[in-house]
Amino acid sequence: MLPQPIVFVIGAGASKEFGMPDGGQMKESIAKALSFDQSDGKLLGDRTIYDLLRSQSDWKKHHDAARELAARIGEFVSIDETLHWFSSRPEIVLLGKIIIVREILEAERASILFNRQDERRIQNRNYGDSWLYYFLSMPTERKTRSKPRKRFTM
C-alpha cells in the first residue's frame, strides 16, 4: 500500500478508546498530583511525589516548582507547550517529565491494553473494532506470505 517509507505521528488522543487519557485529562491529573496544599491537615496531591521531593536537599525549590507547574499547566494547550514555556527552569522541566512518565505508566496499567499475566505484552484480545487493527494491517495489505519483507523499521 505504501510505496515508500513513511513516518506516522500518532497523538495521545489515539489511545483514548483503549482507556488512556487524552492530553486534557493528562494535564488535569498532573495538576492534581502536584497540588501540594493542605486541607484539614491532609495533603492534597500525590504523596509519593511529595515524599520524593521532600527528600531532596533543595526541597523548597522543588516544592515551588511543583506548585507552579500545577497552577500554570491549564493555561497551555498541551503538556509539551507547558514544559517549553518553562524551559529556563530545569527543575520544572525535569519534574514535568517525571510526572508524565508516572502518569502514563499508571494509565497503561488501568487501560484495556494492560496484560496482567505478562506486563511486557499488550492484552491479547480482538482489536478489530478499533483503528489500531486497520492501522497495523496496512504493512501486509496486498502482500503474500511467500515474499516476506520487513514491514516496520525502528
C-alpha atoms as a PDB file:
ATOM      1  CA  MET A   1       0.000   0.000   0.000  1.00  0.00           C
ATOM      2  CA  LEU A   2       2.772   2.452   0.905  1.00  0.00           C
ATOM      3  CA  PRO A   3       5.345   2.684  -1.902  1.00  0.00           C
ATOM      4  CA  GLN A   4       7.979   4.452   0.196  1.00  0.00           C
ATOM      5  CA  PRO A   5       8.961   4.702   3.862  1.00  0.00           C
ATOM      6  CA  ILE A   6       6.631   6.887   5.840  1.00  0.00           C
ATOM      7  CA  VAL A   7       6.514   8.069   9.442  1.00  0.00           C
ATOM      8  CA  PHE A   8       3.225   8.281  11.316  1.00  0.00           C
ATOM      9  CA  VAL A   9       2.973  10.651  14.267  1.00  0.00           C
ATOM     10  CA  ILE A  10       0.148   9.463  16.463  1.00  0.00           C
ATOM     11  CA  GLY A  11      -1.039  11.757  19.226  1.00  0.00           C
ATOM     12  CA  ALA A  12      -2.252  10.940  22.717  1.00  0.00           C
ATOM     13  CA  GLY A  13      -5.900  11.058  21.679  1.00  0.00           C
ATOM     14  CA  ALA A  14      -5.405   7.929  19.567  1.00  0.00           C
ATOM     15  CA  SER A  15      -5.190   5.776  22.692  1.00  0.00           C
ATOM     16  CA  LYS A  16      -8.340   7.211  24.275  1.00  0.00           C
ATOM     17  CA  GLU A  17     -10.531   4.323  23.091  1.00  0.00           C
ATOM     18  CA  PHE A  18      -8.232   1.925  24.976  1.00  0.00           C
ATOM     19  CA  GLY A  19      -8.787   3.715  28.285  1.00  0.00           C
ATOM     20  CA  MET A  20      -5.802   6.041  28.166  1.00  0.00           C
ATOM     21  CA  PRO A  21      -6.186   9.747  28.993  1.00  0.00           C
ATOM     22  CA  ASP A  22      -6.173  12.408  26.320  1.00  0.00           C
ATOM     23  CA  GLY A  23      -3.973  15.491  26.654  1.00  0.00           C
ATOM     24  CA  GLY A  24      -6.531  17.464  28.653  1.00  0.00           C
ATOM     25  CA  GLN A  25      -7.076  14.637  31.120  1.00  0.00           C
ATOM     26  CA  MET A  26      -3.325  14.185  31.449  1.00  0.00           C
ATOM     27  CA  LYS A  27      -2.879  17.870  32.275  1.00  0.00           C
ATOM     28  CA  GLU A  28      -5.616  17.613  34.905  1.00  0.00           C
ATOM     29  CA  SER A  29      -4.074  14.550  36.561  1.00  0.00           C
ATOM     30  CA  ILE A  30      -0.636  16.192  36.599  1.00  0.00           C
ATOM     31  CA  ALA A  31      -2.052  19.369  38.154  1.00  0.00           C
ATOM     32  CA  LYS A  32      -3.903  17.333  40.778  1.00  0.00           C
ATOM     33  CA  ALA A  33      -0.824  15.223  41.617  1.00  0.00           C
ATOM     34  CA  LEU A  34       1.372  18.300  42.048  1.00  0.00           C
ATOM     35  CA  SER A  35      -1.071  20.477  44.020  1.00  0.00           C
ATOM     36  CA  PHE A  36       0.655  20.149  47.367  1.00  0.00           C
ATOM     37  CA  ASP A  37      -1.756  22.070  49.550  1.00  0.00           C
ATOM     38  CA  GLN A  38      -3.039  21.129  52.961  1.00  0.00           C
ATOM     39  CA  SER A  39      -6.749  20.755  53.608  1.00  0.00           C
ATOM     40  CA  ASP A  40      -7.880  19.983  57.155  1.00  0.00           C
ATOM     41  CA  GLY A  41      -4.363  18.746  57.900  1.00  0.00           C
ATOM     42  CA  LYS A  42      -4.474  16.335  54.958  1.00  0.00           C
ATOM     43  CA  LEU A  43      -2.150  16.577  51.964  1.00  0.00           C
ATOM     44  CA  LEU A  44      -3.776  17.214  48.618  1.00  0.00           C
ATOM     45  CA  GLY A  45      -1.708  15.895  45.740  1.00  0.00           C
ATOM     46  CA  ASP A  46       0.318  12.738  45.301  1.00  0.00           C
ATOM     47  CA  ARG A  47       2.039  11.552  48.495  1.00  0.00           C
ATOM     48  CA  THR A  48       4.735   9.561  46.657  1.00  0.00           C
ATOM     49  CA  ILE A  49       5.844  12.561  44.575  1.00  0.00           C
ATOM     50  CA  TYR A  50       5.603  14.818  47.611  1.00  0.00           C
ATOM     51  CA  ASP A  51       7.825  12.492  49.672  1.00  0.00           C
ATOM     52  CA  LEU A  52      10.301  12.181  46.792  1.00  0.00           C
ATOM     53  CA  LEU A  53      10.616  15.957  46.520  1.00  0.00           C
ATOM     54  CA  ARG A  54      10.747  16.320  50.301  1.00  0.00           C
ATOM     55  CA  SER A  55      13.817  14.050  50.370  1.00  0.00           C
ATOM     56  CA  GLN A  56      15.775  16.427  48.105  1.00  0.00           C
ATOM     57  CA  SER A  57      18.277  18.811  49.664  1.00  0.00           C
ATOM     58  CA  ASP A  58      16.723  21.732  47.786  1.00  0.00           C
ATOM     59  CA  TRP A  59      13.194  20.771  48.841  1.00  0.00           C
ATOM     60  CA  LYS A  60      11.762  24.303  48.717  1.00  0.00           C
ATOM     61  CA  LYS A  61      12.898  24.815  45.109  1.00  0.00           C
ATOM     62  CA  HIS A  62      11.256  21.539  44.013  1.00  0.00           C
ATOM     63  CA  HIS A  63       8.126  22.144  46.053  1.00  0.00           C
ATOM     64  CA  ASP A  64       7.724  25.589  44.496  1.00  0.00           C
ATOM     65  CA  ALA A  65       8.348  24.103  41.027  1.00  0.00           C
ATOM     66  CA  ALA A  66       5.620  21.512  41.574  1.00  0.00           C
ATOM     67  CA  ARG A  67       3.105  24.067  42.759  1.00  0.00           C
ATOM     68  CA  GLU A  68       3.904  26.437  39.895  1.00  0.00           C
ATOM     69  CA  LEU A  69       3.609  23.690  37.284  1.00  0.00           C
ATOM     70  CA  ALA A  70       0.299  22.562  38.824  1.00  0.00           C
ATOM     71  CA  ALA A  71      -1.041  26.118  38.838  1.00  0.00           C
ATOM     72  CA  ARG A  72       0.012  27.011  35.284  1.00  0.00           C
ATOM     73  CA  ILE A  73      -0.395  23.800  33.255  1.00  0.00           C
ATOM     74  CA  GLY A  74      -4.040  24.560  32.497  1.00  0.00           C
ATOM     75  CA  GLU A  75      -3.041  27.761  30.673  1.00  0.00           C
ATOM     76  CA  PHE A  76      -1.358  25.837  27.860  1.00  0.00           C
ATOM     77  CA  VAL A  77      -2.759  23.773  25.009  1.00  0.00           C
ATOM     78  CA  SER A  78      -0.502  20.806  25.817  1.00  0.00           C
ATOM     79  CA  ILE A  79       1.957  19.464  28.343  1.00  0.00           C
ATOM     80  CA  ASP A  80       4.722  19.881  25.772  1.00  0.00           C
ATOM     81  CA  GLU A  81       3.905  23.573  25.394  1.00  0.00           C
ATOM     82  CA  THR A  82       3.904  23.973  29.167  1.00  0.00           C
ATOM     83  CA  LEU A  83       7.365  22.463  29.523  1.00  0.00           C
ATOM     84  CA  HIS A  84       8.626  24.509  26.583  1.00  0.00           C
ATOM     85  CA  TRP A  85       7.380  27.671  28.312  1.00  0.00           C
ATOM     86  CA  PHE A  86       9.338  26.705  31.428  1.00  0.00           C
ATOM     87  CA  SER A  87      12.491  25.688  29.512  1.00  0.00           C
ATOM     88  CA  SER A  88      14.591  28.167  31.516  1.00  0.00           C
ATOM     89  CA  ARG A  89      13.510  26.402  34.732  1.00  0.00           C
ATOM     90  CA  PRO A  90      15.160  22.954  34.602  1.00  0.00           C
ATOM     91  CA  GLU A  91      13.607  21.860  37.908  1.00  0.00           C
ATOM     92  CA  ILE A  92      10.111  22.331  36.429  1.00  0.00           C
ATOM     93  CA  VAL A  93      11.004  20.583  33.169  1.00  0.00           C
ATOM     94  CA  LEU A  94      12.545  17.607  34.982  1.00  0.00           C
ATOM     95  CA  LEU A  95       9.628  17.337  37.371  1.00  0.00           C
ATOM     96  CA  GLY A  96       7.231  17.588  34.423  1.00  0.00           C
ATOM     97  CA  LYS A  97       8.957  14.743  32.601  1.00  0.00           C
ATOM     98  CA  ILE A  98       8.981  12.579  35.725  1.00  0.00           C
ATOM     99  CA  ILE A  99       5.287  13.085  36.402  1.00  0.00           C
ATOM    100  CA  ILE A 100       4.380  12.490  32.730  1.00  0.00           C
ATOM    101  CA  VAL A 101       6.137   9.104  32.786  1.00  0.00           C
ATOM    102  CA  ARG A 102       4.483   8.177  36.066  1.00  0.00           C
ATOM    103  CA  GLU A 103       1.014   9.209  34.838  1.00  0.00           C
ATOM    104  CA  ILE A 104       1.430   7.281  31.577  1.00  0.00           C
ATOM    105  CA  LEU A 105       2.534   4.133  33.417  1.00  0.00           C
ATOM    106  CA  GLU A 106      -0.447   4.352  35.763  1.00  0.00           C
ATOM    107  CA  ALA A 107      -2.822   4.969  32.861  1.00  0.00           C
ATOM    108  CA  GLU A 108      -1.396   1.997  30.932  1.00  0.00           C
ATOM    109  CA  ARG A 109      -1.927  -0.289  33.911  1.00  0.00           C
ATOM    110  CA  ALA A 110      -5.557   0.833  34.131  1.00  0.00           C
ATOM    111  CA  SER A 111      -6.197   0.533  30.376  1.00  0.00           C
ATOM    112  CA  ILE A 112      -7.708  -2.385  28.480  1.00  0.00           C
ATOM    113  CA  LEU A 113      -4.337  -2.903  26.788  1.00  0.00           C
ATOM    114  CA  PHE A 114      -2.598  -3.919  30.014  1.00  0.00           C
ATOM    115  CA  ASN A 115      -1.792  -7.613  30.295  1.00  0.00           C
ATOM    116  CA  ARG A 116      -1.702  -8.604  33.947  1.00  0.00           C
ATOM    117  CA  GLN A 117      -0.154 -12.004  33.127  1.00  0.00           C
ATOM    118  CA  ASP A 118       2.746 -10.565  31.085  1.00  0.00           C
ATOM    119  CA  GLU A 119       3.406  -6.859  31.535  1.00  0.00           C
ATOM    120  CA  ARG A 120       5.764  -6.849  28.535  1.00  0.00           C
ATOM    121  CA  ARG A 121       2.925  -7.579  26.092  1.00  0.00           C
ATOM    122  CA  ILE A 122      -0.381  -5.905  25.398  1.00  0.00           C
ATOM    123  CA  GLN A 123      -3.572  -7.690  26.367  1.00  0.00           C
ATOM    124  CA  ASN A 124      -4.407 -10.368  23.814  1.00  0.00           C
ATOM    125  CA  ARG A 125      -7.870  -9.559  22.518  1.00  0.00           C
ATOM    126  CA  ASN A 126      -9.609  -8.765  19.270  1.00  0.00           C
ATOM    127  CA  TYR A 127      -8.826  -5.159  18.331  1.00  0.00           C
ATOM    128  CA  GLY A 128     -10.801  -5.469  15.082  1.00  0.00           C
ATOM    129  CA  ASP A 129     -13.298  -2.894  16.269  1.00  0.00           C
ATOM    130  CA  SER A 130     -10.638  -0.190  16.683  1.00  0.00           C
ATOM    131  CA  TRP A 131      -8.498   1.985  14.431  1.00  0.00           C
ATOM    132  CA  LEU A 132      -5.447   0.015  15.599  1.00  0.00           C
ATOM    133  CA  TYR A 133      -6.471  -3.110  13.692  1.00  0.00           C
ATOM    134  CA  TYR A 134      -6.685  -1.217  10.390  1.00  0.00           C
ATOM    135  CA  PHE A 135      -3.506   0.725  11.033  1.00  0.00           C
ATOM    136  CA  LEU A 136      -1.421  -2.360  11.845  1.00  0.00           C
ATOM    137  CA  SER A 137      -2.785  -4.277   8.855  1.00  0.00           C
ATOM    138  CA  MET A 138      -1.514  -1.683   6.349  1.00  0.00           C
ATOM    139  CA  PRO A 139       2.027  -3.119   6.036  1.00  0.00           C
ATOM    140  CA  THR A 140       0.712  -6.514   4.965  1.00  0.00           C
ATOM    141  CA  GLU A 141      -2.042  -5.277   2.688  1.00  0.00           C
ATOM    142  CA  ARG A 142      -1.766  -6.833  -0.791  1.00  0.00           C
ATOM    143  CA  LYS A 143       1.352  -8.795   0.201  1.00  0.00           C
ATOM    144  CA  THR A 144       1.842 -12.541   0.128  1.00  0.00           C
ATOM    145  CA  ARG A 145       3.364 -14.750   2.756  1.00  0.00           C
ATOM    146  CA  SER A 146       5.765 -16.265   0.225  1.00  0.00           C
ATOM    147  CA  LYS A 147       7.583 -12.952  -0.225  1.00  0.00           C
ATOM    148  CA  PRO A 148       8.283 -11.680   3.267  1.00  0.00           C
ATOM    149  CA  ARG A 149       9.619  -8.204   3.588  1.00  0.00           C
ATOM    150  CA  LYS A 150      10.462  -6.013   6.513  1.00  0.00           C
ATOM    151  CA  ARG A 151       7.243  -4.218   7.427  1.00  0.00           C
ATOM    152  CA  PHE A 152       8.195  -1.885  10.253  1.00  0.00           C
ATOM    153  CA  THR A 153      11.578  -0.379  10.957  1.00  0.00           C
ATOM    154  CA  MET A 154      12.835   1.333  14.057  1.00  0.00           C
END
